Amino acid sequence: MTFADLDGDELWSYLTERSGLPGPRANLGLMLEFARGADDDDILLAAESEDEYIRCCGIVGLGFILVRSRDKAVLNSLTEATTCASWRAREAAAMAVQAIGDTDPQLLRAIIEQWSRSAHPLTLRAAAAGICEPRLLKDKTNAALAVQVCRDATEWIVSQPADSRREADTRTLRQALGYCWSVAVAADPENALPAFVSLGASDDTDVVWIVRENRKKARLRKVLES
């Protein structure tokens, strides 16, 4: 069976019945299978679905369309997904760029660089979460970009007034930086560790929190203790 063999409601029912939702964990494997194997038209329809799981399948699929087409409208849709109210949809956007990175590192970097210049904290969060994936950071160019994205996003938080920092979206960005730095440092300690260590000189409360959270991560402790 291929996804092309399923039409209309049959396809959507197939996805929802195997979604794993409601439940603690969505079926990410099926999400990727759909993204890889579905027709572009079905992916685009799925990305606009009111059903959260189907929408996530479509969002991940946008990444595969981008590898094939570099369509600006598709990139705009993927970028919009980074600010979606649904956290699952936002995770799907990160999965999409990571899937891009598996086959087209140059396109991955172009998207991450674009997102890292955003003024929206959730898009900044997508840039950090998207690039700070261990399998992608075996590429030294990706690893260097991960450090830059973490640094820029941290500086963005520092630049915000106190009331903005308390907003939920900014807190979500901060939470991501609470682990992304450790991923970046573990991947390329020689270049990334000095940037992380320099954060320790800051007395900014959010930077202090980011440093403390990353130091709890085993992957970073291993680097610091070596």
Protein backbone atom coordinates (compact mmCIF):
# COMPACT_ATOMS: atom_id res chain seq x y z
CA MET A 1 0.00 0.00 0.00
CA THR A 2 1.16 3.52 -0.83
CA PHE A 3 -0.44 6.77 0.23
CA ALA A 4 -1.29 7.39 -3.42
CA ASP A 5 -3.59 4.34 -3.23
CA LEU A 6 -5.77 6.09 -0.64
CA ASP A 7 -8.20 8.77 -1.72
CA GLY A 8 -9.89 11.56 0.21
CA ASP A 9 -11.54 10.50 3.45
CA GLU A 10 -9.88 7.08 3.24
CA LEU A 11 -6.45 8.71 3.51
CA TRP A 12 -7.38 10.98 6.40
CA SER A 13 -9.04 8.10 8.27
CA TYR A 14 -5.93 5.97 7.79
CA LEU A 15 -3.81 8.68 9.40
CA THR A 16 -6.11 9.50 12.31
CA GLU A 17 -6.74 5.85 13.19
CA ARG A 18 -2.99 5.27 13.50
CA SER A 19 -2.04 8.66 14.94
CA GLY A 20 -1.60 7.52 18.52
CA LEU A 21 -3.81 10.42 19.59
CA PRO A 22 -5.36 11.07 21.94
CA GLY A 23 -2.47 9.76 23.96
CA PRO A 24 0.92 10.75 25.32
CA ARG A 25 2.84 10.37 22.07
CA ALA A 26 1.89 10.89 18.44
CA ASN A 27 2.96 8.39 15.78
CA LEU A 28 6.01 10.22 14.44
CA GLY A 29 7.01 7.31 12.22
CA LEU A 30 3.75 7.47 10.30
CA MET A 31 4.10 11.23 10.08
CA LEU A 32 7.43 10.83 8.30
CA GLU A 33 6.12 8.02 6.09
CA PHE A 34 3.31 10.28 4.91
CA ALA A 35 5.68 13.20 4.39
CA ARG A 36 8.00 11.08 2.25
CA GLY A 37 5.39 9.17 0.30
CA ALA A 38 2.31 11.33 -0.18
CA ASP A 39 1.53 13.38 -3.27
CA ASP A 40 2.25 17.09 -3.04
CA ASP A 41 -1.44 17.95 -3.32
CA ASP A 42 -2.30 15.71 -0.37
CA ILE A 43 0.55 17.19 1.67
CA LEU A 44 -0.70 20.72 1.02
CA LEU A 45 -4.25 19.73 1.95
CA ALA A 46 -3.05 18.02 5.11
CA ALA A 47 -1.06 21.09 6.18
CA GLU A 48 -4.31 23.07 6.27
CA SER A 49 -6.35 20.41 8.10
CA GLU A 50 -8.27 21.22 11.26
CA ASP A 51 -7.19 17.84 12.64
CA GLU A 52 -3.97 18.38 14.59
CA TYR A 53 -2.28 15.12 13.61
CA ILE A 54 -3.13 15.39 9.93
CA ARG A 55 -1.93 18.99 9.95
CA CYS A 56 1.37 17.88 11.50
CA CYS A 57 1.78 15.24 8.80
CA GLY A 58 1.30 17.94 6.20
CA ILE A 59 3.71 20.35 7.87
CA VAL A 60 6.47 17.74 7.90
CA GLY A 61 5.63 17.04 4.27
CA LEU A 62 6.24 20.68 3.38
CA GLY A 63 9.92 20.02 4.00
CA PHE A 64 9.98 17.27 1.40
CA ILE A 65 8.18 19.50 -1.11
CA LEU A 66 10.78 22.21 -0.52
CA VAL A 67 13.62 19.81 -1.29
CA ARG A 68 11.96 19.06 -4.61
CA SER A 69 10.75 22.52 -5.58
CA ARG A 70 12.16 25.38 -3.45
CA ASP A 71 8.64 26.87 -3.67
CA LYS A 72 8.48 30.20 -1.81
CA ALA A 73 4.80 29.78 -0.96
CA VAL A 74 5.56 26.42 0.64
CA LEU A 75 8.38 27.98 2.65
CA ASN A 76 5.99 30.70 3.79
CA SER A 77 3.54 28.02 4.96
CA LEU A 78 6.30 26.21 6.84
CA THR A 79 7.42 29.46 8.45
CA GLU A 80 3.84 30.20 9.53
CA ALA A 81 3.73 26.78 11.19
CA THR A 82 6.60 27.79 13.48
CA THR A 83 4.25 30.24 15.23
CA CYS A 84 1.22 27.95 15.37
CA ALA A 85 -0.69 27.79 18.66
CA SER A 86 -0.31 23.99 18.58
CA TRP A 87 3.00 22.84 20.04
CA ARG A 88 2.75 19.66 17.99
CA ALA A 89 2.55 21.73 14.82
CA ARG A 90 5.61 23.70 15.88
CA GLU A 91 7.49 20.46 16.48
CA ALA A 92 6.40 19.29 13.04
CA ALA A 93 7.97 22.41 11.54
CA ALA A 94 11.26 21.56 13.25
CA MET A 95 11.00 17.98 11.98
CA ALA A 96 10.46 19.34 8.47
CA VAL A 97 13.68 21.36 8.41
CA GLN A 98 15.60 18.47 9.96
CA ALA A 99 14.33 16.22 7.17
CA ILE A 100 15.52 18.85 4.70
CA GLY A 101 18.92 18.79 6.36
CA ASP A 102 19.23 15.05 5.81
CA THR A 103 19.27 15.53 2.03
CA ASP A 104 19.95 19.22 1.34
CA PRO A 105 22.16 20.85 4.01
CA GLN A 106 22.47 24.05 1.99
CA LEU A 107 18.70 24.53 1.93
CA LEU A 108 18.51 23.71 5.63
CA ARG A 109 21.02 26.44 6.42
CA ALA A 110 19.24 28.97 4.21
CA ILE A 111 15.97 28.38 6.05
CA ILE A 112 17.56 28.40 9.50
CA GLU A 113 19.39 31.64 8.72
CA GLN A 114 16.13 33.21 7.56
CA TRP A 115 14.27 32.08 10.66
CA SER A 116 17.07 33.25 12.94
CA ARG A 117 16.51 36.82 11.70
CA SER A 118 12.84 36.75 12.69
CA ALA A 119 11.39 39.05 15.32
CA HIS A 120 9.01 36.32 16.50
CA PRO A 121 10.31 34.25 19.43
CA LEU A 122 8.61 31.08 18.22
CA THR A 123 10.31 31.31 14.84
CA LEU A 124 13.61 31.90 16.63
CA ARG A 125 12.79 28.83 18.69
CA ALA A 126 12.19 26.83 15.49
CA ALA A 127 15.59 27.91 14.16
CA ALA A 128 17.34 26.70 17.31
CA ALA A 129 15.36 23.48 17.68
CA GLY A 130 15.65 22.75 13.98
CA ILE A 131 19.43 23.05 13.69
CA CYS A 132 20.32 21.67 17.13
CA GLU A 133 19.81 18.05 16.16
CA PRO A 134 22.86 15.81 16.78
CA ARG A 135 22.71 13.99 13.46
CA LEU A 136 22.80 17.30 11.57
CA LEU A 137 25.70 18.69 13.58
CA LYS A 138 28.14 16.09 12.29
CA ASP A 139 28.44 18.63 9.46
CA LYS A 140 30.85 21.29 10.76
CA THR A 141 29.12 24.08 8.84
CA ASN A 142 25.83 23.12 10.46
CA ALA A 143 27.55 22.95 13.85
CA ALA A 144 28.92 26.47 13.47
CA LEU A 145 25.48 27.73 12.47
CA ALA A 146 23.93 26.08 15.53
CA VAL A 147 26.22 28.07 17.82
CA GLN A 148 25.42 31.29 15.99
CA VAL A 149 21.68 30.65 16.18
CA CYS A 150 21.87 29.92 19.92
CA ARG A 151 23.97 33.02 20.51
CA ASP A 152 21.68 35.28 18.48
CA ALA A 153 18.52 33.93 20.12
CA THR A 154 20.02 34.39 23.57
CA GLU A 155 20.98 37.96 22.71
CA TRP A 156 17.47 38.55 21.41
CA ILE A 157 16.01 37.57 24.78
CA VAL A 158 18.46 39.84 26.58
CA SER A 159 17.39 42.73 24.34
CA GLN A 160 13.73 42.40 25.31
CA PRO A 161 12.04 44.48 28.04
CA ALA A 162 10.94 42.72 31.20
CA ASP A 163 7.26 42.52 30.28
CA SER A 164 8.05 40.92 26.90
CA ARG A 165 10.27 38.34 28.55
CA ARG A 166 7.35 37.15 30.64
CA GLU A 167 5.23 36.40 27.58
CA ALA A 168 4.58 32.73 26.87
CA ASP A 169 6.23 32.71 23.45
CA THR A 170 9.45 34.19 24.82
CA ARG A 171 9.40 31.66 27.64
CA THR A 172 9.06 28.91 25.03
CA LEU A 173 12.16 30.23 23.27
CA ARG A 174 14.05 30.36 26.55
CA GLN A 175 13.05 26.78 27.33
CA ALA A 176 14.46 25.62 23.98
CA LEU A 177 17.72 27.45 24.62
CA GLY A 178 17.85 25.60 27.93
CA TYR A 179 18.87 22.48 26.00
CA CYS A 180 19.92 23.65 22.52
CA TRP A 181 23.18 25.14 23.76
CA SER A 182 24.21 21.77 25.20
CA VAL A 183 23.54 20.05 21.86
CA ALA A 184 25.62 22.63 20.00
CA VAL A 185 28.51 22.43 22.46
CA ALA A 186 28.57 18.63 22.54
CA ALA A 187 28.71 18.52 18.74
CA ASP A 188 31.67 20.90 18.38
CA PRO A 189 33.27 21.66 21.77
CA GLU A 190 36.34 23.38 20.36
CA ASN A 191 34.34 26.13 18.71
CA ALA A 192 31.12 26.13 20.73
CA LEU A 193 32.37 25.82 24.29
CA PRO A 194 34.01 29.28 24.46
CA ALA A 195 30.75 30.88 23.33
CA PHE A 196 28.80 29.01 25.99
CA VAL A 197 31.34 29.68 28.74
CA SER A 198 31.18 33.40 27.95
CA LEU A 199 27.51 33.36 28.96
CA GLY A 200 28.62 32.60 32.50
CA ALA A 201 29.84 36.18 32.88
CA SER A 202 26.30 37.51 32.48
CA ASP A 203 24.14 38.37 35.46
CA ASP A 204 21.02 38.55 33.30
CA THR A 205 18.43 36.34 34.99
CA ASP A 206 17.36 34.60 31.78
CA VAL A 207 20.93 33.94 30.69
CA VAL A 208 21.72 32.57 34.15
CA TRP A 209 18.72 30.23 33.79
CA ILE A 210 19.81 29.10 30.31
CA VAL A 211 23.34 28.35 31.52
CA ARG A 212 22.08 26.47 34.58
CA GLU A 213 19.66 24.32 32.58
CA ASN A 214 22.27 23.36 30.01
CA ARG A 215 24.77 22.44 32.70
CA LYS A 216 22.27 19.83 33.92
CA LYS A 217 22.48 17.97 30.61
CA ALA A 218 24.71 14.89 30.62
CA ARG A 219 26.09 15.64 27.16
CA LEU A 220 27.39 19.01 28.35
CA ARG A 221 28.67 17.72 31.67
CA LYS A 222 30.75 15.19 29.74
CA VAL A 223 32.38 18.01 27.75
CA LEU A 224 32.97 20.19 30.81
CA GLU A 225 34.52 17.33 32.75
CA SER A 226 36.82 16.16 29.96
